[in-house]
Amino acid sequence: MPNMKNAKKAVKVIGKKNVSNNEYKASMRTAIKNVEKAVVAKDKEKAEGALKIAIKRIDKAASKGVTAKNTCARNKSRLTKKVNEMK
């Protein structure tokens, strides 16, 4: 347990940041899964709509520093490729 005042505050701040970061990461993962479900169901319209949302959430996570830029770029590329390959 922290003894000093600044250490106690740091624990609080880190806890708040963890909650915030987990929300961004969870919403990003959910959006990615929604796109993949639509691709498996072969629903092109739903997949395209979900892709827009997923890209927005992925970019948000990258801008907040939750995930690395290249990881986000790779995720967006893979999802876009899956949607574009649908008939």
PDB file of N, CA and C in Angstrom:
ATOM      1  N   MET A   1       0.844  -1.195   0.000  1.00  0.00           N
ATOM      2  CA  MET A   1       0.000   0.000   0.000  1.00  0.00           C
ATOM      3  C   MET A   1       0.881   1.247   0.000  1.00  0.00           C
ATOM      4  N   PRO A   2       0.471   2.261  -0.746  1.00  0.00           N
ATOM      5  CA  PRO A   2       1.238   3.507  -0.776  1.00  0.00           C
ATOM      6  C   PRO A   2       1.091   4.279   0.538  1.00  0.00           C
ATOM      7  N   ASN A   3       2.176   4.895   0.938  1.00  0.00           N
ATOM      8  CA  ASN A   3       2.164   5.671   2.173  1.00  0.00           C
ATOM      9  C   ASN A   3       2.105   7.167   1.924  1.00  0.00           C
ATOM     10  N   MET A   4       2.762   7.599   0.868  1.00  0.00           N
ATOM     11  CA  MET A   4       2.833   9.034   0.595  1.00  0.00           C
ATOM     12  C   MET A   4       1.593   9.506  -0.148  1.00  0.00           C
ATOM     13  N   LYS A   5       1.309  10.794   0.029  1.00  0.00           N
ATOM     14  CA  LYS A   5       0.091  11.360  -0.556  1.00  0.00           C
ATOM     15  C   LYS A   5       0.093  11.248  -2.087  1.00  0.00           C
ATOM     16  N   ASN A   6       1.240  11.567  -2.702  1.00  0.00           N
ATOM     17  CA  ASN A   6       1.287  11.514  -4.168  1.00  0.00           C
ATOM     18  C   ASN A   6       1.146  10.090  -4.688  1.00  0.00           C
ATOM     19  N   ALA A   7       1.640   9.115  -3.933  1.00  0.00           N
ATOM     20  CA  ALA A   7       1.503   7.717  -4.343  1.00  0.00           C
ATOM     21  C   ALA A   7       0.049   7.266  -4.241  1.00  0.00           C
ATOM     22  N   LYS A   8      -0.645   7.732  -3.217  1.00  0.00           N
ATOM     23  CA  LYS A   8      -2.066   7.394  -3.054  1.00  0.00           C
ATOM     24  C   LYS A   8      -2.872   7.961  -4.213  1.00  0.00           C
ATOM     25  N   LYS A   9      -2.550   9.205  -4.582  1.00  0.00           N
ATOM     26  CA  LYS A   9      -3.256   9.843  -5.692  1.00  0.00           C
ATOM     27  C   LYS A   9      -2.953   9.102  -7.007  1.00  0.00           C
ATOM     28  N   ALA A  10      -1.712   8.690  -7.173  1.00  0.00           N
ATOM     29  CA  ALA A  10      -1.336   7.978  -8.391  1.00  0.00           C
ATOM     30  C   ALA A  10      -2.134   6.686  -8.537  1.00  0.00           C
ATOM     31  N   VAL A  11      -2.362   6.001  -7.434  1.00  0.00           N
ATOM     32  CA  VAL A  11      -3.154   4.767  -7.473  1.00  0.00           C
ATOM     33  C   VAL A  11      -4.567   5.066  -7.956  1.00  0.00           C
ATOM     34  N   LYS A  12      -5.156   6.155  -7.462  1.00  0.00           N
ATOM     35  CA  LYS A  12      -6.512   6.542  -7.887  1.00  0.00           C
ATOM     36  C   LYS A  12      -6.545   6.866  -9.380  1.00  0.00           C
ATOM     37  N   VAL A  13      -5.563   7.669  -9.817  1.00  0.00           N
ATOM     38  CA  VAL A  13      -5.515   8.098 -11.216  1.00  0.00           C
ATOM     39  C   VAL A  13      -5.338   6.894 -12.145  1.00  0.00           C
ATOM     40  N   ILE A  14      -4.441   5.993 -11.777  1.00  0.00           N
ATOM     41  CA  ILE A  14      -4.188   4.803 -12.590  1.00  0.00           C
ATOM     42  C   ILE A  14      -5.455   3.947 -12.683  1.00  0.00           C
ATOM     43  N   GLY A  15      -6.176   3.847 -11.569  1.00  0.00           N
ATOM     44  CA  GLY A  15      -7.429   3.084 -11.575  1.00  0.00           C
ATOM     45  C   GLY A  15      -8.449   3.667 -12.527  1.00  0.00           C
ATOM     46  N   LYS A  16      -8.580   4.995 -12.513  1.00  0.00           N
ATOM     47  CA  LYS A  16      -9.524   5.658 -13.422  1.00  0.00           C
ATOM     48  C   LYS A  16      -9.111   5.464 -14.876  1.00  0.00           C
ATOM     49  N   LYS A  17      -7.819   5.580 -15.146  1.00  0.00           N
ATOM     50  CA  LYS A  17      -7.332   5.404 -16.512  1.00  0.00           C
ATOM     51  C   LYS A  17      -7.559   3.974 -16.997  1.00  0.00           C
ATOM     52  N   ASN A  18      -7.360   3.007 -16.098  1.00  0.00           N
ATOM     53  CA  ASN A  18      -7.593   1.607 -16.469  1.00  0.00           C
ATOM     54  C   ASN A  18      -9.036   1.385 -16.879  1.00  0.00           C
ATOM     55  N   VAL A  19      -9.962   1.944 -16.118  1.00  0.00           N
ATOM     56  CA  VAL A  19     -11.383   1.790 -16.438  1.00  0.00           C
ATOM     57  C   VAL A  19     -11.677   2.402 -17.807  1.00  0.00           C
ATOM     58  N   SER A  20     -11.171   3.606 -18.026  1.00  0.00           N
ATOM     59  CA  SER A  20     -11.404   4.308 -19.290  1.00  0.00           C
ATOM     60  C   SER A  20     -10.802   3.531 -20.461  1.00  0.00           C
ATOM     61  N   ASN A  21      -9.558   3.087 -20.300  1.00  0.00           N
ATOM     62  CA  ASN A  21      -8.889   2.352 -21.377  1.00  0.00           C
ATOM     63  C   ASN A  21      -9.605   1.040 -21.682  1.00  0.00           C
ATOM     64  N   ASN A  22     -10.072   0.360 -20.647  1.00  0.00           N
ATOM     65  CA  ASN A  22     -10.782  -0.897 -20.859  1.00  0.00           C
ATOM     66  C   ASN A  22     -12.082  -0.683 -21.618  1.00  0.00           C
ATOM     67  N   GLU A  23     -12.750   0.444 -21.374  1.00  0.00           N
ATOM     68  CA  GLU A  23     -13.990   0.748 -22.107  1.00  0.00           C
ATOM     69  C   GLU A  23     -13.694   0.953 -23.593  1.00  0.00           C
ATOM     70  N   TYR A  24     -12.637   1.708 -23.900  1.00  0.00           N
ATOM     71  CA  TYR A  24     -12.279   1.923 -25.304  1.00  0.00           C
ATOM     72  C   TYR A  24     -11.923   0.610 -25.979  1.00  0.00           C
ATOM     73  N   LYS A  25     -11.132  -0.208 -25.287  1.00  0.00           N
ATOM     74  CA  LYS A  25     -10.692  -1.470 -25.864  1.00  0.00           C
ATOM     75  C   LYS A  25     -11.865  -2.429 -26.059  1.00  0.00           C
ATOM     76  N   ALA A  26     -12.770  -2.470 -25.083  1.00  0.00           N
ATOM     77  CA  ALA A  26     -13.920  -3.375 -25.171  1.00  0.00           C
ATOM     78  C   ALA A  26     -14.850  -2.970 -26.307  1.00  0.00           C
ATOM     79  N   SER A  27     -15.101  -1.660 -26.446  1.00  0.00           N
ATOM     80  CA  SER A  27     -15.994  -1.215 -27.519  1.00  0.00           C
ATOM     81  C   SER A  27     -15.369  -1.490 -28.879  1.00  0.00           C
ATOM     82  N   MET A  28     -14.051  -1.368 -28.968  1.00  0.00           N
ATOM     83  CA  MET A  28     -13.352  -1.662 -30.213  1.00  0.00           C
ATOM     84  C   MET A  28     -13.493  -3.150 -30.560  1.00  0.00           C
ATOM     85  N   ARG A  29     -13.266  -4.007 -29.583  1.00  0.00           N
ATOM     86  CA  ARG A  29     -13.353  -5.449 -29.826  1.00  0.00           C
ATOM     87  C   ARG A  29     -14.777  -5.865 -30.199  1.00  0.00           C
ATOM     88  N   THR A  30     -15.755  -5.280 -29.539  1.00  0.00           N
ATOM     89  CA  THR A  30     -17.150  -5.585 -29.839  1.00  0.00           C
ATOM     90  C   THR A  30     -17.485  -5.197 -31.279  1.00  0.00           C
ATOM     91  N   ALA A  31     -17.023  -4.009 -31.680  1.00  0.00           N
ATOM     92  CA  ALA A  31     -17.286  -3.545 -33.039  1.00  0.00           C
ATOM     93  C   ALA A  31     -16.638  -4.471 -34.070  1.00  0.00           C
ATOM     94  N   ILE A  32     -15.428  -4.931 -33.778  1.00  0.00           N
ATOM     95  CA  ILE A  32     -14.731  -5.852 -34.688  1.00  0.00           C
ATOM     96  C   ILE A  32     -15.514  -7.159 -34.801  1.00  0.00           C
ATOM     97  N   LYS A  33     -15.989  -7.669 -33.670  1.00  0.00           N
ATOM     98  CA  LYS A  33     -16.750  -8.919 -33.678  1.00  0.00           C
ATOM     99  C   LYS A  33     -18.053  -8.764 -34.452  1.00  0.00           C
ATOM    100  N   ASN A  34     -18.686  -7.588 -34.354  1.00  0.00           N
ATOM    101  CA  ASN A  34     -19.927  -7.359 -35.087  1.00  0.00           C
ATOM    102  C   ASN A  34     -19.692  -7.416 -36.597  1.00  0.00           C
ATOM    103  N   VAL A  35     -18.570  -6.867 -37.049  1.00  0.00           N
ATOM    104  CA  VAL A  35     -18.245  -6.925 -38.480  1.00  0.00           C
ATOM    105  C   VAL A  35     -18.026  -8.379 -38.896  1.00  0.00           C
ATOM    106  N   GLU A  36     -17.269  -9.105 -38.096  1.00  0.00           N
ATOM    107  CA  GLU A  36     -16.966 -10.495 -38.442  1.00  0.00           C
ATOM    108  C   GLU A  36     -18.228 -11.363 -38.456  1.00  0.00           C
ATOM    109  N   LYS A  37     -19.158 -11.092 -37.538  1.00  0.00           N
ATOM    110  CA  LYS A  37     -20.428 -11.832 -37.527  1.00  0.00           C
ATOM    111  C   LYS A  37     -21.222 -11.557 -38.796  1.00  0.00           C
ATOM    112  N   ALA A  38     -21.249 -10.294 -39.217  1.00  0.00           N
ATOM    113  CA  ALA A  38     -21.985  -9.925 -40.422  1.00  0.00           C
ATOM    114  C   ALA A  38     -21.347 -10.566 -41.656  1.00  0.00           C
ATOM    115  N   VAL A  39     -20.019 -10.672 -41.666  1.00  0.00           N
ATOM    116  CA  VAL A  39     -19.329 -11.296 -42.798  1.00  0.00           C
ATOM    117  C   VAL A  39     -19.666 -12.784 -42.854  1.00  0.00           C
ATOM    118  N   VAL A  40     -19.682 -13.437 -41.699  1.00  0.00           N
ATOM    119  CA  VAL A  40     -20.016 -14.862 -41.657  1.00  0.00           C
ATOM    120  C   VAL A  40     -21.460 -15.082 -42.100  1.00  0.00           C
ATOM    121  N   ALA A  41     -22.349 -14.157 -41.723  1.00  0.00           N
ATOM    122  CA  ALA A  41     -23.759 -14.261 -42.097  1.00  0.00           C
ATOM    123  C   ALA A  41     -24.000 -13.842 -43.551  1.00  0.00           C
ATOM    124  N   LYS A  42     -22.957 -13.338 -44.202  1.00  0.00           N
ATOM    125  CA  LYS A  42     -23.006 -12.889 -45.601  1.00  0.00           C
ATOM    126  C   LYS A  42     -24.047 -11.792 -45.823  1.00  0.00           C
ATOM    127  N   ASP A  43     -24.100 -10.872 -44.876  1.00  0.00           N
ATOM    128  CA  ASP A  43     -24.996  -9.720 -44.964  1.00  0.00           C
ATOM    129  C   ASP A  43     -24.143  -8.486 -45.283  1.00  0.00           C
ATOM    130  N   LYS A  44     -24.055  -8.171 -46.576  1.00  0.00           N
ATOM    131  CA  LYS A  44     -23.155  -7.105 -47.048  1.00  0.00           C
ATOM    132  C   LYS A  44     -23.508  -5.744 -46.453  1.00  0.00           C
ATOM    133  N   GLU A  45     -24.782  -5.389 -46.451  1.00  0.00           N
ATOM    134  CA  GLU A  45     -25.187  -4.081 -45.933  1.00  0.00           C
ATOM    135  C   GLU A  45     -24.843  -3.936 -44.458  1.00  0.00           C
ATOM    136  N   LYS A  46     -25.192  -4.949 -43.699  1.00  0.00           N
ATOM    137  CA  LYS A  46     -24.920  -4.918 -42.260  1.00  0.00           C
ATOM    138  C   LYS A  46     -23.416  -4.858 -42.001  1.00  0.00           C
ATOM    139  N   ALA A  47     -22.658  -5.587 -42.804  1.00  0.00           N
ATOM    140  CA  ALA A  47     -21.203  -5.611 -42.647  1.00  0.00           C
ATOM    141  C   ALA A  47     -20.598  -4.238 -42.922  1.00  0.00           C
ATOM    142  N   GLU A  48     -21.095  -3.570 -43.963  1.00  0.00           N
ATOM    143  CA  GLU A  48     -20.571  -2.238 -44.295  1.00  0.00           C
ATOM    144  C   GLU A  48     -20.894  -1.224 -43.204  1.00  0.00           C
ATOM    145  N   GLY A  49     -22.111  -1.295 -42.666  1.00  0.00           N
ATOM    146  CA  GLY A  49     -22.483  -0.402 -41.573  1.00  0.00           C
ATOM    147  C   GLY A  49     -21.653  -0.662 -40.331  1.00  0.00           C
ATOM    148  N   ALA A  50     -21.462  -1.931 -40.023  1.00  0.00           N
ATOM    149  CA  ALA A  50     -20.663  -2.297 -38.851  1.00  0.00           C
ATOM    150  C   ALA A  50     -19.201  -1.918 -39.050  1.00  0.00           C
ATOM    151  N   LEU A  51     -18.733  -1.973 -40.302  1.00  0.00           N
ATOM    152  CA  LEU A  51     -17.349  -1.611 -40.596  1.00  0.00           C
ATOM    153  C   LEU A  51     -17.101  -0.135 -40.302  1.00  0.00           C
ATOM    154  N   LYS A  52     -18.049   0.724 -40.682  1.00  0.00           N
ATOM    155  CA  LYS A  52     -17.897   2.154 -40.402  1.00  0.00           C
ATOM    156  C   LYS A  52     -17.762   2.403 -38.905  1.00  0.00           C
ATOM    157  N   ILE A  53     -18.627   1.752 -38.149  1.00  0.00           N
ATOM    158  CA  ILE A  53     -18.590   1.905 -36.689  1.00  0.00           C
ATOM    159  C   ILE A  53     -17.277   1.364 -36.129  1.00  0.00           C
ATOM    160  N   ALA A  54     -16.845   0.209 -36.641  1.00  0.00           N
ATOM    161  CA  ALA A  54     -15.612  -0.413 -36.153  1.00  0.00           C
ATOM    162  C   ALA A  54     -14.401   0.480 -36.423  1.00  0.00           C
ATOM    163  N   ILE A  55     -14.350   1.053 -37.601  1.00  0.00           N
ATOM    164  CA  ILE A  55     -13.219   1.930 -37.939  1.00  0.00           C
ATOM    165  C   ILE A  55     -13.195   3.144 -37.021  1.00  0.00           C
ATOM    166  N   LYS A  56     -14.371   3.677 -36.736  1.00  0.00           N
ATOM    167  CA  LYS A  56     -14.460   4.820 -35.828  1.00  0.00           C
ATOM    168  C   LYS A  56     -13.946   4.455 -34.431  1.00  0.00           C
ATOM    169  N   ARG A  57     -14.362   3.287 -33.944  1.00  0.00           N
ATOM    170  CA  ARG A  57     -13.943   2.849 -32.602  1.00  0.00           C
ATOM    171  C   ARG A  57     -12.451   2.520 -32.558  1.00  0.00           C
ATOM    172  N   ILE A  58     -11.948   1.924 -33.632  1.00  0.00           N
ATOM    173  CA  ILE A  58     -10.517   1.584 -33.695  1.00  0.00           C
ATOM    174  C   ILE A  58      -9.682   2.860 -33.695  1.00  0.00           C
ATOM    175  N   ASP A  59     -10.095   3.846 -34.492  1.00  0.00           N
ATOM    176  CA  ASP A  59      -9.373   5.123 -34.533  1.00  0.00           C
ATOM    177  C   ASP A  59      -9.402   5.823 -33.178  1.00  0.00           C
ATOM    178  N   LYS A  60     -10.528   5.735 -32.504  1.00  0.00           N
ATOM    179  CA  LYS A  60     -10.663   6.363 -31.185  1.00  0.00           C
ATOM    180  C   LYS A  60      -9.695   5.715 -30.196  1.00  0.00           C
ATOM    181  N   ALA A  61      -9.608   4.398 -30.240  1.00  0.00           N
ATOM    182  CA  ALA A  61      -8.693   3.688 -29.344  1.00  0.00           C
ATOM    183  C   ALA A  61      -7.244   4.074 -29.641  1.00  0.00           C
ATOM    184  N   ALA A  62      -6.921   4.234 -30.923  1.00  0.00           N
ATOM    185  CA  ALA A  62      -5.561   4.624 -31.299  1.00  0.00           C
ATOM    186  C   ALA A  62      -5.251   6.037 -30.837  1.00  0.00           C
ATOM    187  N   SER A  63      -6.214   6.939 -30.986  1.00  0.00           N
ATOM    188  CA  SER A  63      -5.975   8.333 -30.609  1.00  0.00           C
ATOM    189  C   SER A  63      -5.818   8.493 -29.099  1.00  0.00           C
ATOM    190  N   LYS A  64      -6.463   7.615 -28.331  1.00  0.00           N
ATOM    191  CA  LYS A  64      -6.349   7.664 -26.871  1.00  0.00           C
ATOM    192  C   LYS A  64      -5.124   6.915 -26.364  1.00  0.00           C
ATOM    193  N   GLY A  65      -4.406   6.241 -27.265  1.00  0.00           N
ATOM    194  CA  GLY A  65      -3.202   5.529 -26.867  1.00  0.00           C
ATOM    195  C   GLY A  65      -3.464   4.177 -26.235  1.00  0.00           C
ATOM    196  N   VAL A  66      -4.684   3.656 -26.419  1.00  0.00           N
ATOM    197  CA  VAL A  66      -5.032   2.360 -25.839  1.00  0.00           C
ATOM    198  C   VAL A  66      -4.352   1.239 -26.615  1.00  0.00           C
ATOM    199  N   THR A  67      -4.301   1.379 -27.927  1.00  0.00           N
ATOM    200  CA  THR A  67      -3.620   0.400 -28.772  1.00  0.00           C
ATOM    201  C   THR A  67      -2.655   1.133 -29.690  1.00  0.00           C
ATOM    202  N   ALA A  68      -1.689   0.401 -30.214  1.00  0.00           N
ATOM    203  CA  ALA A  68      -0.675   0.994 -31.077  1.00  0.00           C
ATOM    204  C   ALA A  68      -1.267   1.343 -32.448  1.00  0.00           C
ATOM    205  N   LYS A  69      -0.659   2.325 -33.105  1.00  0.00           N
ATOM    206  CA  LYS A  69      -1.141   2.761 -34.418  1.00  0.00           C
ATOM    207  C   LYS A  69      -1.127   1.635 -35.434  1.00  0.00           C
ATOM    208  N   ASN A  70      -0.038   0.869 -35.455  1.00  0.00           N
ATOM    209  CA  ASN A  70       0.082  -0.192 -36.457  1.00  0.00           C
ATOM    210  C   ASN A  70      -0.920  -1.315 -36.215  1.00  0.00           C
ATOM    211  N   THR A  71      -1.205  -1.598 -34.953  1.00  0.00           N
ATOM    212  CA  THR A  71      -2.202  -2.614 -34.624  1.00  0.00           C
ATOM    213  C   THR A  71      -3.559  -2.182 -35.158  1.00  0.00           C
ATOM    214  N   CYS A  72      -3.887  -0.921 -34.964  1.00  0.00           N
ATOM    215  CA  CYS A  72      -5.166  -0.396 -35.446  1.00  0.00           C
ATOM    216  C   CYS A  72      -5.226  -0.411 -36.963  1.00  0.00           C
ATOM    217  N   ALA A  73      -4.140  -0.035 -37.604  1.00  0.00           N
ATOM    218  CA  ALA A  73      -4.099  -0.043 -39.064  1.00  0.00           C
ATOM    219  C   ALA A  73      -4.288  -1.460 -39.592  1.00  0.00           C
ATOM    220  N   ARG A  74      -3.651  -2.423 -38.926  1.00  0.00           N
ATOM    221  CA  ARG A  74      -3.769  -3.819 -39.346  1.00  0.00           C
ATOM    222  C   ARG A  74      -5.198  -4.325 -39.180  1.00  0.00           C
ATOM    223  N   ASN A  75      -5.826  -3.987 -38.050  1.00  0.00           N
ATOM    224  CA  ASN A  75      -7.216  -4.402 -37.811  1.00  0.00           C
ATOM    225  C   ASN A  75      -8.158  -3.814 -38.855  1.00  0.00           C
ATOM    226  N   LYS A  76      -7.997  -2.526 -39.138  1.00  0.00           N
ATOM    227  CA  LYS A  76      -8.860  -1.870 -40.124  1.00  0.00           C
ATOM    228  C   LYS A  76      -8.666  -2.491 -41.506  1.00  0.00           C
ATOM    229  N   SER A  77      -7.419  -2.772 -41.847  1.00  0.00           N
ATOM    230  CA  SER A  77      -7.115  -3.357 -43.150  1.00  0.00           C
ATOM    231  C   SER A  77      -7.753  -4.738 -43.299  1.00  0.00           C
ATOM    232  N   ARG A  78      -7.619  -5.551 -42.278  1.00  0.00           N
ATOM    233  CA  ARG A  78      -8.171  -6.900 -42.334  1.00  0.00           C
ATOM    234  C   ARG A  78      -9.692  -6.892 -42.437  1.00  0.00           C
ATOM    235  N   LEU A  79     -10.315  -6.025 -41.649  1.00  0.00           N
ATOM    236  CA  LEU A  79     -11.779  -5.952 -41.681  1.00  0.00           C
ATOM    237  C   LEU A  79     -12.270  -5.457 -43.031  1.00  0.00           C
ATOM    238  N   THR A  80     -11.631  -4.418 -43.537  1.00  0.00           N
ATOM    239  CA  THR A  80     -12.024  -3.861 -44.832  1.00  0.00           C
ATOM    240  C   THR A  80     -11.875  -4.903 -45.928  1.00  0.00           C
ATOM    241  N   LYS A  81     -10.779  -5.658 -45.867  1.00  0.00           N
ATOM    242  CA  LYS A  81     -10.539  -6.704 -46.854  1.00  0.00           C
ATOM    243  C   LYS A  81     -11.632  -7.771 -46.797  1.00  0.00           C
ATOM    244  N   LYS A  82     -12.024  -8.170 -45.590  1.00  0.00           N
ATOM    245  CA  LYS A  82     -13.071  -9.178 -45.446  1.00  0.00           C
ATOM    246  C   LYS A  82     -14.393  -8.693 -46.030  1.00  0.00           C
ATOM    247  N   VAL A  83     -14.735  -7.434 -45.754  1.00  0.00           N
ATOM    248  CA  VAL A  83     -16.006  -6.882 -46.249  1.00  0.00           C
ATOM    249  C   VAL A  83     -15.968  -6.753 -47.764  1.00  0.00           C
ATOM    250  N   ASN A  84     -14.834  -6.300 -48.311  1.00  0.00           N
ATOM    251  CA  ASN A  84     -14.732  -6.105 -49.757  1.00  0.00           C
ATOM    252  C   ASN A  84     -14.753  -7.432 -50.521  1.00  0.00           C
ATOM    253  N   GLU A  85     -14.313  -8.516 -49.890  1.00  0.00           N
ATOM    254  CA  GLU A  85     -14.295  -9.811 -50.567  1.00  0.00           C
ATOM    255  C   GLU A  85     -15.666 -10.483 -50.600  1.00  0.00           C
ATOM    256  N   MET A  86     -16.635  -9.912 -49.867  1.00  0.00           N
ATOM    257  CA  MET A  86     -17.984 -10.483 -49.873  1.00  0.00           C
ATOM    258  C   MET A  86     -18.616 -10.262 -51.237  1.00  0.00           C
ATOM    259  N   LYS A  87     -19.478 -11.197 -51.618  1.00  0.00           N
ATOM    260  CA  LYS A  87     -20.161 -11.077 -52.913  1.00  0.00           C
ATOM    261  C   LYS A  87     -21.402 -10.245 -52.807  1.00  0.00           C
TER     262      LYS A  87
END
